[in-house]
Amino acid sequence: MTRAVVRHVPHTIKRHPDTSMTFEAACQRCGWLAVPSTDDEVVDEQCLVHAGRSNHRAFRRAVTSLAFVVREGEGGTPPAATT
């Protein structure tokens, strides 16, 4: 019989330092989409303009980023970013 050795190692997840967060928004009434941006204020401004022209006031907003997992004792160096 083969035996396996199992060890429990704490992990953490962090945002990759070489990448930016991307902000997106979509109108919940008509499906209009803001142009994605790394600047949240740019996306918010697009939503405000759309709301002013259409009186649509509900938006789904999303923020995405690239994350990596670090095992305790590995030093926290992320792998190369691939997007």
PDB file of N, CA and C in Angstrom:
ATOM      1  N   MET A   1       0.849  -1.176   0.000  1.00  0.00           N
ATOM      2  CA  MET A   1       0.000   0.000   0.000  1.00  0.00           C
ATOM      3  C   MET A   1       0.898   1.244   0.000  1.00  0.00           C
ATOM      4  N   THR A   2       0.581   2.182  -0.854  1.00  0.00           N
ATOM      5  CA  THR A   2       1.321   3.440  -0.910  1.00  0.00           C
ATOM      6  C   THR A   2       0.690   4.426   0.057  1.00  0.00           C
ATOM      7  N   ARG A   3       1.541   5.117   0.788  1.00  0.00           N
ATOM      8  CA  ARG A   3       1.042   6.121   1.737  1.00  0.00           C
ATOM      9  C   ARG A   3       1.369   7.511   1.214  1.00  0.00           C
ATOM     10  N   ALA A   4       0.485   8.424   1.480  1.00  0.00           N
ATOM     11  CA  ALA A   4       0.698   9.821   1.085  1.00  0.00           C
ATOM     12  C   ALA A   4       0.952  10.646   2.335  1.00  0.00           C
ATOM     13  N   VAL A   5       1.832  11.618   2.189  1.00  0.00           N
ATOM     14  CA  VAL A   5       2.087  12.559   3.273  1.00  0.00           C
ATOM     15  C   VAL A   5       1.336  13.838   2.939  1.00  0.00           C
ATOM     16  N   VAL A   6       0.480  14.258   3.840  1.00  0.00           N
ATOM     17  CA  VAL A   6      -0.305  15.468   3.632  1.00  0.00           C
ATOM     18  C   VAL A   6       0.128  16.493   4.658  1.00  0.00           C
ATOM     19  N   ARG A   7       0.418  17.688   4.194  1.00  0.00           N
ATOM     20  CA  ARG A   7       0.735  18.763   5.133  1.00  0.00           C
ATOM     21  C   ARG A   7      -0.176  19.938   4.832  1.00  0.00           C
ATOM     22  N   HIS A   8      -0.565  20.600   5.865  1.00  0.00           N
ATOM     23  CA  HIS A   8      -1.439  21.761   5.724  1.00  0.00           C
ATOM     24  C   HIS A   8      -0.582  23.012   5.809  1.00  0.00           C
ATOM     25  N   VAL A   9      -0.629  23.818   4.750  1.00  0.00           N
ATOM     26  CA  VAL A   9       0.170  25.037   4.685  1.00  0.00           C
ATOM     27  C   VAL A   9      -0.786  26.217   4.508  1.00  0.00           C
ATOM     28  N   PRO A  10      -0.678  27.234   5.362  1.00  0.00           N
ATOM     29  CA  PRO A  10      -1.530  28.421   5.189  1.00  0.00           C
ATOM     30  C   PRO A  10      -1.247  29.130   3.860  1.00  0.00           C
ATOM     31  N   HIS A  11      -2.300  29.620   3.245  1.00  0.00           N
ATOM     32  CA  HIS A  11      -2.210  30.358   1.983  1.00  0.00           C
ATOM     33  C   HIS A  11      -2.899  31.709   2.148  1.00  0.00           C
ATOM     34  N   THR A  12      -2.466  32.672   1.352  1.00  0.00           N
ATOM     35  CA  THR A  12      -3.162  33.952   1.252  1.00  0.00           C
ATOM     36  C   THR A  12      -3.326  34.266  -0.226  1.00  0.00           C
ATOM     37  N   ILE A  13      -4.248  35.158  -0.542  1.00  0.00           N
ATOM     38  CA  ILE A  13      -4.439  35.594  -1.923  1.00  0.00           C
ATOM     39  C   ILE A  13      -4.263  37.103  -1.964  1.00  0.00           C
ATOM     40  N   LYS A  14      -3.522  37.572  -2.982  1.00  0.00           N
ATOM     41  CA  LYS A  14      -3.194  38.994  -3.088  1.00  0.00           C
ATOM     42  C   LYS A  14      -3.400  39.470  -4.516  1.00  0.00           C
ATOM     43  N   ARG A  15      -3.653  40.766  -4.651  1.00  0.00           N
ATOM     44  CA  ARG A  15      -3.733  41.362  -5.991  1.00  0.00           C
ATOM     45  C   ARG A  15      -2.329  41.425  -6.572  1.00  0.00           C
ATOM     46  N   HIS A  16      -2.194  41.066  -7.841  1.00  0.00           N
ATOM     47  CA  HIS A  16      -0.891  41.084  -8.508  1.00  0.00           C
ATOM     48  C   HIS A  16      -0.395  42.520  -8.607  1.00  0.00           C
ATOM     49  N   PRO A  17       0.826  42.805  -8.143  1.00  0.00           N
ATOM     50  CA  PRO A  17       1.309  44.191  -8.120  1.00  0.00           C
ATOM     51  C   PRO A  17       1.611  44.790  -9.494  1.00  0.00           C
ATOM     52  N   ASP A  18       1.758  43.961 -10.519  1.00  0.00           N
ATOM     53  CA  ASP A  18       2.100  44.465 -11.853  1.00  0.00           C
ATOM     54  C   ASP A  18       0.869  44.736 -12.717  1.00  0.00           C
ATOM     55  N   THR A  19      -0.317  44.616 -12.141  1.00  0.00           N
ATOM     56  CA  THR A  19      -1.540  44.823 -12.915  1.00  0.00           C
ATOM     57  C   THR A  19      -2.450  45.836 -12.226  1.00  0.00           C
ATOM     58  N   SER A  20      -3.390  46.352 -12.979  1.00  0.00           N
ATOM     59  CA  SER A  20      -4.352  47.333 -12.464  1.00  0.00           C
ATOM     60  C   SER A  20      -5.710  46.677 -12.278  1.00  0.00           C
ATOM     61  N   MET A  21      -6.554  47.325 -11.503  1.00  0.00           N
ATOM     62  CA  MET A  21      -7.947  46.908 -11.414  1.00  0.00           C
ATOM     63  C   MET A  21      -8.685  47.516 -12.605  1.00  0.00           C
ATOM     64  N   THR A  22      -9.677  46.817 -13.120  1.00  0.00           N
ATOM     65  CA  THR A  22     -10.494  47.309 -14.218  1.00  0.00           C
ATOM     66  C   THR A  22     -11.916  47.510 -13.714  1.00  0.00           C
ATOM     67  N   PHE A  23     -12.472  48.689 -13.994  1.00  0.00           N
ATOM     68  CA  PHE A  23     -13.820  49.044 -13.561  1.00  0.00           C
ATOM     69  C   PHE A  23     -14.755  48.976 -14.760  1.00  0.00           C
ATOM     70  N   GLU A  24     -15.947  48.392 -14.557  1.00  0.00           N
ATOM     71  CA  GLU A  24     -16.945  48.259 -15.608  1.00  0.00           C
ATOM     72  C   GLU A  24     -18.318  48.597 -15.042  1.00  0.00           C
ATOM     73  N   ALA A  25     -19.259  48.942 -15.915  1.00  0.00           N
ATOM     74  CA  ALA A  25     -20.631  49.220 -15.482  1.00  0.00           C
ATOM     75  C   ALA A  25     -21.593  48.906 -16.618  1.00  0.00           C
ATOM     76  N   ALA A  26     -22.808  48.499 -16.229  1.00  0.00           N
ATOM     77  CA  ALA A  26     -23.866  48.206 -17.196  1.00  0.00           C
ATOM     78  C   ALA A  26     -25.186  48.739 -16.662  1.00  0.00           C
ATOM     79  N   CYS A  27     -25.958  49.354 -17.537  1.00  0.00           N
ATOM     80  CA  CYS A  27     -27.285  49.845 -17.175  1.00  0.00           C
ATOM     81  C   CYS A  27     -28.216  48.648 -16.980  1.00  0.00           C
ATOM     82  N   GLN A  28     -28.918  48.628 -15.864  1.00  0.00           N
ATOM     83  CA  GLN A  28     -29.823  47.525 -15.567  1.00  0.00           C
ATOM     84  C   GLN A  28     -31.142  47.624 -16.329  1.00  0.00           C
ATOM     85  N   ARG A  29     -31.398  48.752 -16.924  1.00  0.00           N
ATOM     86  CA  ARG A  29     -32.671  48.938 -17.642  1.00  0.00           C
ATOM     87  C   ARG A  29     -32.549  48.599 -19.131  1.00  0.00           C
ATOM     88  N   CYS A  30     -31.468  49.078 -19.780  1.00  0.00           N
ATOM     89  CA  CYS A  30     -31.377  48.903 -21.235  1.00  0.00           C
ATOM     90  C   CYS A  30     -30.160  48.099 -21.691  1.00  0.00           C
ATOM     91  N   GLY A  31     -29.245  47.774 -20.774  1.00  0.00           N
ATOM     92  CA  GLY A  31     -28.081  46.990 -21.157  1.00  0.00           C
ATOM     93  C   GLY A  31     -26.907  47.796 -21.673  1.00  0.00           C
ATOM     94  N   TRP A  32     -27.019  49.127 -21.682  1.00  0.00           N
ATOM     95  CA  TRP A  32     -25.906  49.994 -22.086  1.00  0.00           C
ATOM     96  C   TRP A  32     -24.670  49.623 -21.276  1.00  0.00           C
ATOM     97  N   LEU A  33     -23.480  49.681 -21.899  1.00  0.00           N
ATOM     98  CA  LEU A  33     -22.227  49.346 -21.221  1.00  0.00           C
ATOM     99  C   LEU A  33     -21.272  50.527 -21.238  1.00  0.00           C
ATOM    100  N   ALA A  34     -20.689  50.821 -20.107  1.00  0.00           N
ATOM    101  CA  ALA A  34     -19.628  51.827 -20.036  1.00  0.00           C
ATOM    102  C   ALA A  34     -18.362  51.220 -20.626  1.00  0.00           C
ATOM    103  N   VAL A  35     -17.501  52.066 -21.164  1.00  0.00           N
ATOM    104  CA  VAL A  35     -16.209  51.606 -21.653  1.00  0.00           C
ATOM    105  C   VAL A  35     -15.359  51.269 -20.427  1.00  0.00           C
ATOM    106  N   PRO A  36     -14.843  50.033 -20.315  1.00  0.00           N
ATOM    107  CA  PRO A  36     -14.030  49.673 -19.152  1.00  0.00           C
ATOM    108  C   PRO A  36     -12.815  50.589 -19.017  1.00  0.00           C
ATOM    109  N   SER A  37     -12.421  50.839 -17.770  1.00  0.00           N
ATOM    110  CA  SER A  37     -11.306  51.744 -17.502  1.00  0.00           C
ATOM    111  C   SER A  37     -10.603  51.324 -16.217  1.00  0.00           C
ATOM    112  N   THR A  38      -9.344  51.719 -16.091  1.00  0.00           N
ATOM    113  CA  THR A  38      -8.618  51.513 -14.838  1.00  0.00           C
ATOM    114  C   THR A  38      -8.894  52.645 -13.857  1.00  0.00           C
ATOM    115  N   ASP A  39      -9.685  53.627 -14.273  1.00  0.00           N
ATOM    116  CA  ASP A  39     -10.050  54.770 -13.427  1.00  0.00           C
ATOM    117  C   ASP A  39     -11.545  54.696 -13.119  1.00  0.00           C
ATOM    118  N   ASP A  40     -11.891  54.469 -11.855  1.00  0.00           N
ATOM    119  CA  ASP A  40     -13.302  54.320 -11.497  1.00  0.00           C
ATOM    120  C   ASP A  40     -14.108  55.582 -11.753  1.00  0.00           C
ATOM    121  N   GLU A  41     -13.488  56.740 -11.633  1.00  0.00           N
ATOM    122  CA  GLU A  41     -14.213  57.996 -11.856  1.00  0.00           C
ATOM    123  C   GLU A  41     -14.620  58.161 -13.314  1.00  0.00           C
ATOM    124  N   VAL A  42     -13.824  57.641 -14.235  1.00  0.00           N
ATOM    125  CA  VAL A  42     -14.164  57.701 -15.662  1.00  0.00           C
ATOM    126  C   VAL A  42     -15.436  56.886 -15.921  1.00  0.00           C
ATOM    127  N   VAL A  43     -15.520  55.707 -15.338  1.00  0.00           N
ATOM    128  CA  VAL A  43     -16.703  54.859 -15.514  1.00  0.00           C
ATOM    129  C   VAL A  43     -17.918  55.500 -14.843  1.00  0.00           C
ATOM    130  N   ASP A  44     -17.734  56.048 -13.648  1.00  0.00           N
ATOM    131  CA  ASP A  44     -18.845  56.725 -12.966  1.00  0.00           C
ATOM    132  C   ASP A  44     -19.371  57.896 -13.792  1.00  0.00           C
ATOM    133  N   GLU A  45     -18.479  58.646 -14.406  1.00  0.00           N
ATOM    134  CA  GLU A  45     -18.887  59.788 -15.239  1.00  0.00           C
ATOM    135  C   GLU A  45     -19.714  59.307 -16.435  1.00  0.00           C
ATOM    136  N   GLN A  46     -19.297  58.205 -17.063  1.00  0.00           N
ATOM    137  CA  GLN A  46     -20.066  57.652 -18.176  1.00  0.00           C
ATOM    138  C   GLN A  46     -21.478  57.271 -17.720  1.00  0.00           C
ATOM    139  N   CYS A  47     -21.589  56.692 -16.530  1.00  0.00           N
ATOM    140  CA  CYS A  47     -22.901  56.311 -15.986  1.00  0.00           C
ATOM    141  C   CYS A  47     -23.765  57.540 -15.737  1.00  0.00           C
ATOM    142  N   LEU A  48     -23.165  58.590 -15.202  1.00  0.00           N
ATOM    143  CA  LEU A  48     -23.915  59.818 -14.941  1.00  0.00           C
ATOM    144  C   LEU A  48     -24.429  60.443 -16.235  1.00  0.00           C
ATOM    145  N   VAL A  49     -23.607  60.435 -17.273  1.00  0.00           N
ATOM    146  CA  VAL A  49     -24.032  60.968 -18.574  1.00  0.00           C
ATOM    147  C   VAL A  49     -25.191  60.125 -19.120  1.00  0.00           C
ATOM    148  N   HIS A  50     -25.056  58.801 -19.047  1.00  0.00           N
ATOM    149  CA  HIS A  50     -26.131  57.924 -19.527  1.00  0.00           C
ATOM    150  C   HIS A  50     -27.415  58.171 -18.738  1.00  0.00           C
ATOM    151  N   ALA A  51     -27.301  58.300 -17.423  1.00  0.00           N
ATOM    152  CA  ALA A  51     -28.480  58.552 -16.582  1.00  0.00           C
ATOM    153  C   ALA A  51     -29.135  59.882 -16.936  1.00  0.00           C
ATOM    154  N   GLY A  52     -28.326  60.895 -17.209  1.00  0.00           N
ATOM    155  CA  GLY A  52     -28.861  62.204 -17.561  1.00  0.00           C
ATOM    156  C   GLY A  52     -29.607  62.199 -18.876  1.00  0.00           C
ATOM    157  N   ARG A  53     -29.142  61.393 -19.826  1.00  0.00           N
ATOM    158  CA  ARG A  53     -29.782  61.342 -21.141  1.00  0.00           C
ATOM    159  C   ARG A  53     -30.998  60.425 -21.177  1.00  0.00           C
ATOM    160  N   SER A  54     -30.991  59.380 -20.359  1.00  0.00           N
ATOM    161  CA  SER A  54     -32.029  58.349 -20.470  1.00  0.00           C
ATOM    162  C   SER A  54     -32.949  58.238 -19.255  1.00  0.00           C
ATOM    163  N   ASN A  55     -32.555  58.870 -18.158  1.00  0.00           N
ATOM    164  CA  ASN A  55     -33.245  58.746 -16.867  1.00  0.00           C
ATOM    165  C   ASN A  55     -33.179  57.321 -16.313  1.00  0.00           C
ATOM    166  N   HIS A  56     -32.237  56.515 -16.808  1.00  0.00           N
ATOM    167  CA  HIS A  56     -31.989  55.181 -16.249  1.00  0.00           C
ATOM    168  C   HIS A  56     -31.038  55.372 -15.068  1.00  0.00           C
ATOM    169  N   ARG A  57     -31.399  54.848 -13.912  1.00  0.00           N
ATOM    170  CA  ARG A  57     -30.642  55.172 -12.704  1.00  0.00           C
ATOM    171  C   ARG A  57     -30.043  53.979 -11.976  1.00  0.00           C
ATOM    172  N   ALA A  58     -30.160  52.791 -12.525  1.00  0.00           N
ATOM    173  CA  ALA A  58     -29.607  51.602 -11.865  1.00  0.00           C
ATOM    174  C   ALA A  58     -28.504  50.994 -12.728  1.00  0.00           C
ATOM    175  N   PHE A  59     -27.341  50.820 -12.145  1.00  0.00           N
ATOM    176  CA  PHE A  59     -26.184  50.289 -12.861  1.00  0.00           C
ATOM    177  C   PHE A  59     -25.550  49.153 -12.066  1.00  0.00           C
ATOM    178  N   ARG A  60     -25.151  48.117 -12.770  1.00  0.00           N
ATOM    179  CA  ARG A  60     -24.363  47.049 -12.161  1.00  0.00           C
ATOM    180  C   ARG A  60     -22.903  47.412 -12.382  1.00  0.00           C
ATOM    181  N   ARG A  61     -22.140  47.504 -11.305  1.00  0.00           N
ATOM    182  CA  ARG A  61     -20.725  47.843 -11.429  1.00  0.00           C
ATOM    183  C   ARG A  61     -19.887  46.632 -11.034  1.00  0.00           C
ATOM    184  N   ALA A  62     -18.756  46.473 -11.708  1.00  0.00           N
ATOM    185  CA  ALA A  62     -17.854  45.359 -11.413  1.00  0.00           C
ATOM    186  C   ALA A  62     -16.419  45.860 -11.428  1.00  0.00           C
ATOM    187  N   VAL A  63     -15.635  45.297 -10.537  1.00  0.00           N
ATOM    188  CA  VAL A  63     -14.203  45.589 -10.482  1.00  0.00           C
ATOM    189  C   VAL A  63     -13.483  44.255 -10.604  1.00  0.00           C
ATOM    190  N   THR A  64     -12.561  44.165 -11.557  1.00  0.00           N
ATOM    191  CA  THR A  64     -11.801  42.930 -11.725  1.00  0.00           C
ATOM    192  C   THR A  64     -10.322  43.213 -11.550  1.00  0.00           C
ATOM    193  N   SER A  65      -9.618  42.198 -11.076  1.00  0.00           N
ATOM    194  CA  SER A  65      -8.170  42.308 -10.915  1.00  0.00           C
ATOM    195  C   SER A  65      -7.566  40.917 -11.036  1.00  0.00           C
ATOM    196  N   LEU A  66      -6.268  40.877 -11.250  1.00  0.00           N
ATOM    197  CA  LEU A  66      -5.542  39.619 -11.311  1.00  0.00           C
ATOM    198  C   LEU A  66      -4.982  39.344  -9.924  1.00  0.00           C
ATOM    199  N   ALA A  67      -5.241  38.160  -9.411  1.00  0.00           N
ATOM    200  CA  ALA A  67      -4.774  37.804  -8.073  1.00  0.00           C
ATOM    201  C   ALA A  67      -3.879  36.571  -8.156  1.00  0.00           C
ATOM    202  N   PHE A  68      -3.076  36.361  -7.122  1.00  0.00           N
ATOM    203  CA  PHE A  68      -2.243  35.172  -7.050  1.00  0.00           C
ATOM    204  C   PHE A  68      -2.241  34.646  -5.623  1.00  0.00           C
ATOM    205  N   VAL A  69      -1.995  33.345  -5.493  1.00  0.00           N
ATOM    206  CA  VAL A  69      -1.983  32.685  -4.188  1.00  0.00           C
ATOM    207  C   VAL A  69      -0.540  32.521  -3.731  1.00  0.00           C
ATOM    208  N   VAL A  70      -0.308  32.822  -2.460  1.00  0.00           N
ATOM    209  CA  VAL A  70       1.028  32.706  -1.866  1.00  0.00           C
ATOM    210  C   VAL A  70       0.963  31.678  -0.745  1.00  0.00           C
ATOM    211  N   ARG A  71       1.863  30.712  -0.791  1.00  0.00           N
ATOM    212  CA  ARG A  71       1.984  29.757   0.309  1.00  0.00           C
ATOM    213  C   ARG A  71       2.893  30.343   1.376  1.00  0.00           C
ATOM    214  N   GLU A  72       2.567  30.066   2.617  1.00  0.00           N
ATOM    215  CA  GLU A  72       3.405  30.532   3.719  1.00  0.00           C
ATOM    216  C   GLU A  72       4.836  30.030   3.513  1.00  0.00           C
ATOM    217  N   GLY A  73       5.799  30.940   3.654  1.00  0.00           N
ATOM    218  CA  GLY A  73       7.203  30.581   3.512  1.00  0.00           C
ATOM    219  C   GLY A  73       7.769  30.732   2.115  1.00  0.00           C
ATOM    220  N   GLU A  74       6.957  31.103   1.128  1.00  0.00           N
ATOM    221  CA  GLU A  74       7.446  31.251  -0.247  1.00  0.00           C
ATOM    222  C   GLU A  74       7.929  32.659  -0.554  1.00  0.00           C
ATOM    223  N   GLY A  75       7.740  33.595   0.335  1.00  0.00           N
ATOM    224  CA  GLY A  75       8.243  34.944   0.114  1.00  0.00           C
ATOM    225  C   GLY A  75       7.281  35.893  -0.567  1.00  0.00           C
ATOM    226  N   GLY A  76       6.214  35.421  -1.129  1.00  0.00           N
ATOM    227  CA  GLY A  76       5.213  36.313  -1.704  1.00  0.00           C
ATOM    228  C   GLY A  76       5.546  36.885  -3.062  1.00  0.00           C
ATOM    229  N   THR A  77       6.503  36.301  -3.792  1.00  0.00           N
ATOM    230  CA  THR A  77       6.831  36.794  -5.126  1.00  0.00           C
ATOM    231  C   THR A  77       5.813  36.247  -6.120  1.00  0.00           C
ATOM    232  N   PRO A  78       5.120  37.131  -6.835  1.00  0.00           N
ATOM    233  CA  PRO A  78       4.089  36.653  -7.761  1.00  0.00           C
ATOM    234  C   PRO A  78       4.698  36.099  -9.042  1.00  0.00           C
ATOM    235  N   PRO A  79       3.976  35.218  -9.714  1.00  0.00           N
ATOM    236  CA  PRO A  79       4.410  34.779 -11.033  1.00  0.00           C
ATOM    237  C   PRO A  79       4.254  35.928 -12.023  1.00  0.00           C
ATOM    238  N   ALA A  80       4.852  35.800 -13.182  1.00  0.00           N
ATOM    239  CA  ALA A  80       4.717  36.837 -14.210  1.00  0.00           C
ATOM    240  C   ALA A  80       3.243  37.008 -14.559  1.00  0.00           C
ATOM    241  N   ALA A  81       2.830  38.254 -14.736  1.00  0.00           N
ATOM    242  CA  ALA A  81       1.430  38.549 -15.061  1.00  0.00           C
ATOM    243  C   ALA A  81       1.152  38.183 -16.505  1.00  0.00           C
ATOM    244  N   THR A  82       0.085  37.429 -16.713  1.00  0.00           N
ATOM    245  CA  THR A  82      -0.382  37.118 -18.064  1.00  0.00           C
ATOM    246  C   THR A  82      -1.834  37.531 -18.131  1.00  0.00           C
ATOM    247  N   THR A  83      -2.145  38.454 -19.017  1.00  0.00           N
ATOM    248  CA  THR A  83      -3.524  38.939 -19.110  1.00  0.00           C
ATOM    249  C   THR A  83      -4.078  38.681 -20.475  1.00  0.00           C
TER     250      THR A  83
END
